[in-house]
Amino acid sequence: MFPKWFDKWNRDNPTDIYKPAILVGVAGGAVFAAAMVVAWGQPFKTDSLQTGPRGTGMSVPEFEADLAVPDPGIAGFLATTSAPVVPQGGERTAGAARDNVPPGLEGLTVENYDRLLAAMRDWTGIPDLFDDPASYQTSVGHVMIGMTQNLNENWAGHVNANKQVGVTCYTCHRGQPVPADIWYDLGDVAERMAGWSANQNMVTAQSQYTSLPSDALKTYLLDGEMIGVHDLDSRVAGVPGKDGYPGIQNAERTYSLMNYVSNSLGVNCLFCHNSRAFYDGAQVTPQWGTESLGIQMVLELNNDYLVPVGGLLPEDRLGPVKGDAPKVACKTCHKGYQQPLQGTNVIKDWPELATTSGEPDYGN
């Protein structure tokens, strides 16, 4: 009835009956648990977002327990927000009544400027923001206000792809002067290597702690190189990577970027791609277009706003390897969610940050 080793143990250790019993019990329990999982499925309920036709397996599954837990940042944002004061006409403007008002906000009423200033100080964790006109934080803050207004006004195709969500300082900063999940140029991560090998096989946050290349964010979200994997034809004439079609290095960088995007949004490949034709842009999901627009948006943010402010920042705010300005990517806003702050509408009470015209729409 029992295994031979069990009988032998009993003969050799007639007074020790516990150890083999415990081992048999643990093994039996593990087998039973495995059988139950196979027969009845894993015990934690999941919810799946279907991204393609039924039967293709194109879905993004998530544990319902995870979906039920809100992003903790939502409560932090709601604690700092307040309704705008709709102007009635004739109110004093911030430009006339306050000192050091950032460009583009001079025409706000004093009440709305004061509430916006208080919120921006909470959102960035800088209690004296804009007090000192000579401070680098003031100069950078001016640029950041313009960047936020540009995002809300000109990139609605990405920011508001499914509904009005918008962007404020809090979307990235979450109460900190320097947002989490920014990135810098790491240079050659494997210093003893040369050429392509110097870019990979070293665990870094930018490679998502894999052996994939660590320069994907720089290559695609700063330098703007083409994202590509391979050529569909076999035995293509020419040299990969040089004669008009991607080489294996491009493929590895692309996988590194896609791995980063997946972790940043908390989704899998099928959120954007069709499982039967990853290469075909005509068979992708609608989210593919939203993500592609987001890549162009991030390229603009890094090149037009963030890299230029590098000259305004002190040394301790620059990159540790190349001394470059901090830059953004998907995770800077998304923090592991499909939509930042799980789709909370952060702009409805802050129309001052939704337009570059200086005339907020308080009617929404």
Protein backbone atom coordinates (compact mmCIF):
# COMPACT_ATOMS: atom_id res chain seq x y z
CA MET A 1 0.00 0.00 0.00
CA PHE A 2 2.78 2.43 0.92
CA PRO A 3 5.93 3.14 -1.10
CA LYS A 4 8.93 0.89 -0.43
CA TRP A 5 10.93 3.80 0.99
CA PHE A 6 8.14 4.42 3.49
CA ASP A 7 8.19 0.79 4.71
CA LYS A 8 11.98 0.83 4.91
CA TRP A 9 11.89 4.04 6.95
CA ASN A 10 9.50 2.45 9.42
CA ARG A 11 11.74 -0.60 9.78
CA ASP A 12 14.88 1.50 10.31
CA ASN A 13 13.18 4.12 12.51
CA PRO A 14 10.49 2.29 14.44
CA THR A 15 9.98 5.17 16.87
CA ASP A 16 9.98 8.07 14.33
CA ILE A 17 6.60 8.02 12.61
CA TYR A 18 6.22 11.75 11.99
CA LYS A 19 8.72 12.73 9.29
CA PRO A 20 7.54 10.29 6.62
CA ALA A 21 3.92 11.00 7.46
CA ILE A 22 4.50 14.70 7.05
CA LEU A 23 6.27 14.17 3.73
CA VAL A 24 3.48 11.98 2.42
CA GLY A 25 0.88 14.46 3.62
CA VAL A 26 2.60 17.42 1.94
CA ALA A 27 3.07 15.53 -1.31
CA GLY A 28 -0.50 14.31 -1.26
CA GLY A 29 -1.82 17.79 -0.54
CA ALA A 30 0.19 19.27 -3.42
CA VAL A 31 -1.13 16.62 -5.80
CA PHE A 32 -4.70 17.27 -4.62
CA ALA A 33 -4.34 21.04 -5.02
CA ALA A 34 -2.90 20.63 -8.52
CA ALA A 35 -5.73 18.30 -9.47
CA MET A 36 -8.31 20.79 -8.23
CA VAL A 37 -6.73 23.63 -10.20
CA VAL A 38 -6.74 21.50 -13.36
CA ALA A 39 -10.31 20.34 -12.79
CA TRP A 40 -11.92 23.56 -11.59
CA GLY A 41 -9.57 26.32 -12.72
CA GLN A 42 -7.49 28.71 -10.64
CA PRO A 43 -9.42 29.99 -7.61
CA PHE A 44 -9.08 33.71 -8.30
CA LYS A 45 -11.67 35.16 -10.64
CA THR A 46 -10.43 37.02 -13.69
CA ASP A 47 -11.98 39.55 -16.01
CA SER A 48 -10.89 39.66 -19.64
CA LEU A 49 -10.91 42.60 -22.01
CA GLN A 50 -11.59 41.14 -25.45
CA THR A 51 -9.44 42.84 -28.06
CA GLY A 52 -10.18 40.70 -31.11
CA PRO A 53 -12.66 38.24 -32.63
CA ARG A 54 -13.94 35.43 -30.44
CA GLY A 55 -11.93 32.24 -30.62
CA THR A 56 -8.62 33.91 -31.42
CA GLY A 57 -7.49 34.26 -27.82
CA MET A 58 -7.07 37.99 -28.23
CA SER A 59 -7.83 39.24 -24.74
CA VAL A 60 -6.18 40.96 -21.80
CA PRO A 61 -6.96 39.06 -18.57
CA GLU A 62 -6.72 40.65 -15.14
CA PHE A 63 -7.53 39.41 -11.67
CA GLU A 64 -10.81 40.86 -10.47
CA ALA A 65 -9.21 41.44 -7.08
CA ASP A 66 -6.67 43.74 -8.75
CA LEU A 67 -9.34 45.54 -10.73
CA ALA A 68 -11.29 46.19 -7.52
CA VAL A 69 -8.36 48.06 -5.94
CA PRO A 70 -8.21 51.67 -7.15
CA ASP A 71 -4.96 53.39 -8.00
CA PRO A 72 -3.91 55.01 -4.69
CA GLY A 73 -2.98 58.12 -6.62
CA ILE A 74 -6.66 58.85 -7.32
CA ALA A 75 -7.34 59.73 -3.67
CA GLY A 76 -4.26 61.96 -3.64
CA PHE A 77 -5.50 63.87 -6.65
CA LEU A 78 -9.07 64.27 -5.41
CA ALA A 79 -7.74 65.65 -2.12
CA THR A 80 -6.10 68.53 -4.01
CA THR A 81 -8.87 69.46 -6.43
CA SER A 82 -11.61 72.05 -6.14
CA ALA A 83 -14.28 73.45 -8.43
CA PRO A 84 -13.43 76.55 -10.46
CA VAL A 85 -14.97 79.93 -9.75
CA VAL A 86 -16.89 80.85 -12.92
CA PRO A 87 -16.02 84.47 -13.82
CA GLN A 88 -18.95 86.88 -13.94
CA GLY A 89 -17.04 89.71 -15.58
CA GLY A 90 -15.12 92.61 -14.11
CA GLU A 91 -12.93 90.55 -11.73
CA ARG A 92 -9.31 91.52 -11.18
CA THR A 93 -6.84 89.45 -13.12
CA ALA A 94 -3.90 87.57 -11.66
CA GLY A 95 -1.52 89.53 -13.86
CA ALA A 96 -2.63 92.77 -12.23
CA ALA A 97 -2.91 91.52 -8.66
CA ARG A 98 -0.17 88.91 -8.21
CA ASP A 99 3.59 88.83 -8.69
CA ASN A 100 5.52 86.32 -10.80
CA VAL A 101 2.46 84.97 -12.62
CA PRO A 102 3.56 82.37 -15.21
CA PRO A 103 3.07 83.29 -18.87
CA GLY A 104 -0.34 82.28 -20.15
CA LEU A 105 -2.03 82.56 -16.77
CA GLU A 106 -2.05 86.36 -16.42
CA GLY A 107 -5.64 86.66 -17.62
CA LEU A 108 -7.07 84.32 -14.98
CA THR A 109 -9.17 85.79 -12.25
CA VAL A 110 -7.42 86.08 -8.90
CA GLU A 111 -9.64 83.39 -7.38
CA ASN A 112 -8.93 80.86 -10.11
CA TYR A 113 -5.23 81.66 -10.25
CA ASP A 114 -4.86 81.26 -6.49
CA ARG A 115 -6.65 77.90 -6.48
CA LEU A 116 -4.59 76.68 -9.46
CA LEU A 117 -1.34 77.82 -7.84
CA ALA A 118 -2.22 76.05 -4.59
CA ALA A 119 -3.02 72.88 -6.53
CA MET A 120 0.20 73.00 -8.56
CA ARG A 121 2.20 73.34 -5.36
CA ASP A 122 0.47 70.26 -3.95
CA TRP A 123 0.81 68.32 -7.19
CA THR A 124 4.56 68.98 -7.49
CA GLY A 125 5.46 68.98 -3.81
CA ILE A 126 7.07 72.43 -4.16
CA PRO A 127 5.44 74.68 -1.51
CA ASP A 128 7.03 77.91 -2.78
CA LEU A 129 6.57 77.26 -6.50
CA PHE A 130 6.80 80.54 -8.50
CA ASP A 131 7.68 82.62 -5.41
CA ASP A 132 11.22 83.28 -6.60
CA PRO A 133 11.48 84.42 -10.24
CA ALA A 134 15.22 83.57 -10.23
CA SER A 135 14.67 79.95 -9.17
CA TYR A 136 15.27 77.22 -11.72
CA GLN A 137 12.00 75.69 -10.56
CA THR A 138 10.18 78.81 -11.71
CA SER A 139 11.77 78.66 -15.16
CA VAL A 140 11.11 74.96 -15.53
CA GLY A 141 7.56 75.41 -14.23
CA HIS A 142 6.82 77.94 -16.96
CA VAL A 143 7.85 75.39 -19.59
CA MET A 144 5.86 72.63 -17.90
CA ILE A 145 2.65 74.68 -17.87
CA GLY A 146 3.00 75.21 -21.62
CA MET A 147 3.70 71.51 -22.08
CA THR A 148 0.59 70.52 -20.09
CA GLN A 149 -1.61 72.93 -22.04
CA ASN A 150 -0.20 71.58 -25.30
CA LEU A 151 -0.97 67.99 -24.24
CA ASN A 152 -4.58 68.78 -23.44
CA GLU A 153 -5.18 70.97 -26.46
CA ASN A 154 -3.28 69.21 -29.23
CA TRP A 155 -2.97 65.56 -28.22
CA ALA A 156 -6.57 64.73 -27.36
CA GLY A 157 -6.42 61.77 -29.75
CA HIS A 158 -4.19 60.02 -27.24
CA VAL A 159 -4.99 61.71 -23.94
CA ASN A 160 -8.76 61.51 -24.42
CA ALA A 161 -8.93 58.46 -26.69
CA ASN A 162 -11.89 56.85 -24.89
CA LYS A 163 -13.31 59.73 -22.85
CA GLN A 164 -12.21 63.02 -21.40
CA VAL A 165 -9.35 62.36 -19.00
CA GLY A 166 -6.87 65.15 -19.50
CA VAL A 167 -3.49 65.82 -17.93
CA THR A 168 -2.40 67.96 -15.00
CA CYS A 169 0.92 68.26 -13.18
CA TYR A 170 -0.29 65.52 -10.82
CA THR A 171 -0.55 62.98 -13.65
CA CYS A 172 3.23 62.63 -13.61
CA HIS A 173 4.44 64.24 -10.39
CA ARG A 174 2.09 62.62 -7.83
CA GLY A 175 3.18 65.11 -5.16
CA GLN A 176 6.93 64.84 -5.88
CA PRO A 177 9.22 67.54 -7.36
CA VAL A 178 10.72 64.93 -9.71
CA PRO A 179 8.24 62.42 -11.17
CA ALA A 180 8.87 58.72 -10.74
CA ASP A 181 9.48 56.58 -13.82
CA ILE A 182 11.50 59.14 -15.73
CA TRP A 183 14.57 57.94 -17.60
CA TYR A 184 18.07 59.04 -18.57
CA ASP A 185 20.60 57.99 -21.19
CA LEU A 186 22.52 55.04 -19.70
CA GLY A 187 25.21 54.92 -22.36
CA ASP A 188 26.98 51.58 -22.75
CA VAL A 189 25.63 49.45 -19.92
CA ALA A 190 28.24 46.73 -20.48
CA GLU A 191 31.40 48.86 -20.45
CA ARG A 192 33.78 45.98 -21.16
CA MET A 193 31.93 45.17 -24.36
CA ALA A 194 32.09 46.89 -27.72
CA GLY A 195 29.54 47.48 -30.43
CA TRP A 196 26.07 45.98 -30.08
CA SER A 197 26.97 43.86 -27.04
CA ALA A 198 27.50 47.04 -24.99
CA ASN A 199 23.77 47.80 -25.21
CA GLN A 200 22.37 44.66 -23.61
CA ASN A 201 22.84 41.67 -21.30
CA MET A 202 22.87 43.94 -18.26
CA VAL A 203 19.90 44.20 -15.91
CA THR A 204 18.47 47.75 -15.96
CA ALA A 205 15.09 49.33 -15.34
CA GLN A 206 14.95 50.46 -18.96
CA SER A 207 15.29 46.89 -20.22
CA GLN A 208 12.65 45.82 -17.66
CA TYR A 209 15.34 43.77 -15.93
CA THR A 210 15.86 41.51 -18.93
CA SER A 211 18.83 40.87 -21.22
CA LEU A 212 17.20 43.00 -23.93
CA PRO A 213 18.80 46.28 -25.08
CA SER A 214 18.75 49.17 -22.61
CA ASP A 215 18.76 51.89 -25.25
CA ALA A 216 15.27 51.29 -26.69
CA LEU A 217 13.71 54.34 -25.03
CA LYS A 218 16.49 56.59 -26.31
CA THR A 219 16.36 55.08 -29.80
CA TYR A 220 12.60 55.22 -30.29
CA LEU A 221 11.31 57.88 -27.85
CA LEU A 222 14.06 60.46 -28.30
CA ASP A 223 15.95 59.79 -31.53
CA GLY A 224 12.75 58.80 -33.35
CA GLU A 225 14.17 55.86 -35.26
CA MET A 226 11.80 53.51 -37.09
CA ILE A 227 10.35 50.69 -35.00
CA GLY A 228 10.70 47.46 -36.97
CA VAL A 229 11.22 43.75 -36.53
CA HIS A 230 11.94 41.85 -39.75
CA ASP A 231 11.27 41.53 -43.43
CA LEU A 232 8.49 39.16 -44.48
CA ASP A 233 10.40 37.84 -47.49
CA SER A 234 13.08 35.20 -47.02
CA ARG A 235 16.62 35.63 -48.29
CA VAL A 236 16.27 39.36 -48.85
CA ALA A 237 19.21 40.78 -50.73
CA GLY A 238 21.45 43.16 -48.84
CA VAL A 239 22.60 43.66 -45.28
CA PRO A 240 19.96 43.76 -42.53
CA GLY A 241 19.87 47.11 -40.80
CA LYS A 242 21.68 48.83 -43.65
CA ASP A 243 19.81 48.15 -46.88
CA GLY A 244 16.33 49.33 -46.05
CA TYR A 245 15.00 46.61 -43.78
CA PRO A 246 15.41 45.93 -40.04
CA GLY A 247 18.09 43.65 -38.68
CA ILE A 248 18.13 41.45 -35.60
CA GLN A 249 19.31 44.41 -33.51
CA ASN A 250 16.21 46.38 -34.51
CA ALA A 251 14.07 43.41 -33.54
CA GLU A 252 15.70 43.14 -30.11
CA ARG A 253 15.25 46.88 -29.49
CA THR A 254 11.63 46.62 -30.59
CA TYR A 255 11.00 43.75 -28.16
CA SER A 256 12.63 45.80 -25.42
CA LEU A 257 10.32 48.75 -26.16
CA MET A 258 7.23 46.54 -26.38
CA ASN A 259 8.13 44.88 -23.07
CA TYR A 260 8.41 48.35 -21.54
CA VAL A 261 5.03 49.42 -22.96
CA SER A 262 3.38 46.23 -21.74
CA ASN A 263 4.60 46.74 -18.18
CA SER A 264 3.80 50.45 -18.25
CA LEU A 265 0.14 49.85 -19.13
CA GLY A 266 -0.38 46.52 -17.38
CA VAL A 267 -1.39 44.79 -20.62
CA ASN A 268 -0.09 42.06 -22.91
CA CYS A 269 0.82 42.09 -26.60
CA LEU A 270 -2.74 41.43 -27.72
CA PHE A 271 -3.91 44.76 -26.33
CA CYS A 272 -2.61 46.30 -29.55
CA HIS A 273 -1.59 43.47 -31.89
CA ASN A 274 -3.48 40.72 -33.70
CA SER A 275 -2.23 37.31 -32.60
CA ARG A 276 -2.31 35.92 -36.15
CA ALA A 277 -0.49 38.82 -37.82
CA PHE A 278 1.67 40.89 -35.52
CA TYR A 279 3.34 42.48 -38.52
CA ASP A 280 0.20 43.68 -40.31
CA GLY A 281 -0.91 47.21 -39.50
CA ALA A 282 -4.26 46.55 -41.17
CA GLN A 283 -5.16 43.86 -38.61
CA VAL A 284 -4.27 45.60 -35.36
CA THR A 285 -6.68 46.71 -32.62
CA PRO A 286 -7.83 50.32 -32.15
CA GLN A 287 -5.46 50.59 -29.21
CA TRP A 288 -2.56 50.20 -31.63
CA GLY A 289 -3.45 53.57 -33.16
CA THR A 290 -3.73 55.17 -29.72
CA GLU A 291 -0.32 53.81 -28.73
CA SER A 292 1.27 54.88 -32.02
CA LEU A 293 -0.03 58.40 -31.47
CA GLY A 294 1.32 58.25 -27.91
CA ILE A 295 4.79 57.43 -29.21
CA GLN A 296 4.72 60.53 -31.42
CA MET A 297 3.45 62.55 -28.46
CA VAL A 298 6.30 61.37 -26.24
CA LEU A 299 8.82 62.18 -28.96
CA GLU A 300 7.53 65.75 -29.01
CA LEU A 301 7.54 66.04 -25.21
CA ASN A 302 11.12 64.85 -24.93
CA ASN A 303 12.56 66.84 -27.82
CA ASP A 304 10.57 70.08 -27.61
CA TYR A 305 10.17 70.46 -23.86
CA LEU A 306 12.25 68.21 -21.63
CA VAL A 307 15.63 68.08 -23.36
CA PRO A 308 15.71 71.90 -23.71
CA VAL A 309 15.09 72.43 -19.97
CA GLY A 310 18.25 70.44 -19.22
CA GLY A 311 20.20 73.69 -19.35
CA LEU A 312 18.03 75.11 -16.56
CA LEU A 313 18.47 72.22 -14.14
CA PRO A 314 21.13 71.91 -11.43
CA GLU A 315 23.65 69.10 -11.71
CA ASP A 316 21.89 66.87 -9.19
CA ARG A 317 18.78 66.82 -11.39
CA LEU A 318 20.66 65.54 -14.44
CA GLY A 319 21.39 61.99 -15.51
CA PRO A 320 24.09 60.13 -13.54
CA VAL A 321 25.89 58.81 -16.64
CA LYS A 322 25.53 61.36 -19.43
CA GLY A 323 24.39 64.45 -17.48
CA ASP A 324 21.27 64.66 -19.61
CA ALA A 325 17.83 66.03 -18.78
CA PRO A 326 15.16 63.69 -17.35
CA LYS A 327 12.80 62.38 -19.99
CA VAL A 328 9.38 60.74 -20.02
CA ALA A 329 7.91 57.57 -21.46
CA CYS A 330 4.65 55.66 -21.08
CA LYS A 331 5.14 54.64 -17.46
CA THR A 332 5.72 58.21 -16.31
CA CYS A 333 1.98 58.80 -16.66
CA HIS A 334 0.40 55.35 -16.76
CA LYS A 335 2.09 53.75 -13.71
CA GLY A 336 0.96 50.27 -14.73
CA TYR A 337 -2.63 51.14 -15.70
CA GLN A 338 -4.26 51.23 -19.13
CA GLN A 339 -5.22 54.85 -18.43
CA PRO A 340 -3.42 57.17 -16.01
CA LEU A 341 -5.20 57.25 -12.65
CA GLN A 342 -7.53 54.60 -14.12
CA GLY A 343 -9.23 57.09 -16.39
CA THR A 344 -10.07 59.67 -13.71
CA ASN A 345 -11.03 62.97 -15.38
CA VAL A 346 -8.34 65.23 -13.95
CA ILE A 347 -8.92 68.20 -16.23
CA LYS A 348 -12.63 68.97 -15.86
CA ASP A 349 -12.02 71.23 -12.84
CA TRP A 350 -8.83 72.73 -14.29
CA PRO A 351 -9.71 74.22 -17.69
CA GLU A 352 -6.84 76.68 -17.19
CA LEU A 353 -4.49 73.84 -18.14
CA ALA A 354 -6.52 72.74 -21.15
CA THR A 355 -5.86 75.65 -23.49
CA THR A 356 -2.98 77.81 -24.67
CA SER A 357 -5.29 80.68 -25.62
CA GLY A 358 -5.57 82.06 -22.08
CA GLU A 359 -9.37 81.83 -22.18
CA PRO A 360 -10.44 78.77 -20.17
CA ASP A 361 -13.81 77.24 -20.87
CA TYR A 362 -15.57 77.16 -17.49
CA GLY A 363 -18.81 75.92 -19.02
CA ASN A 364 -17.86 72.21 -19.08
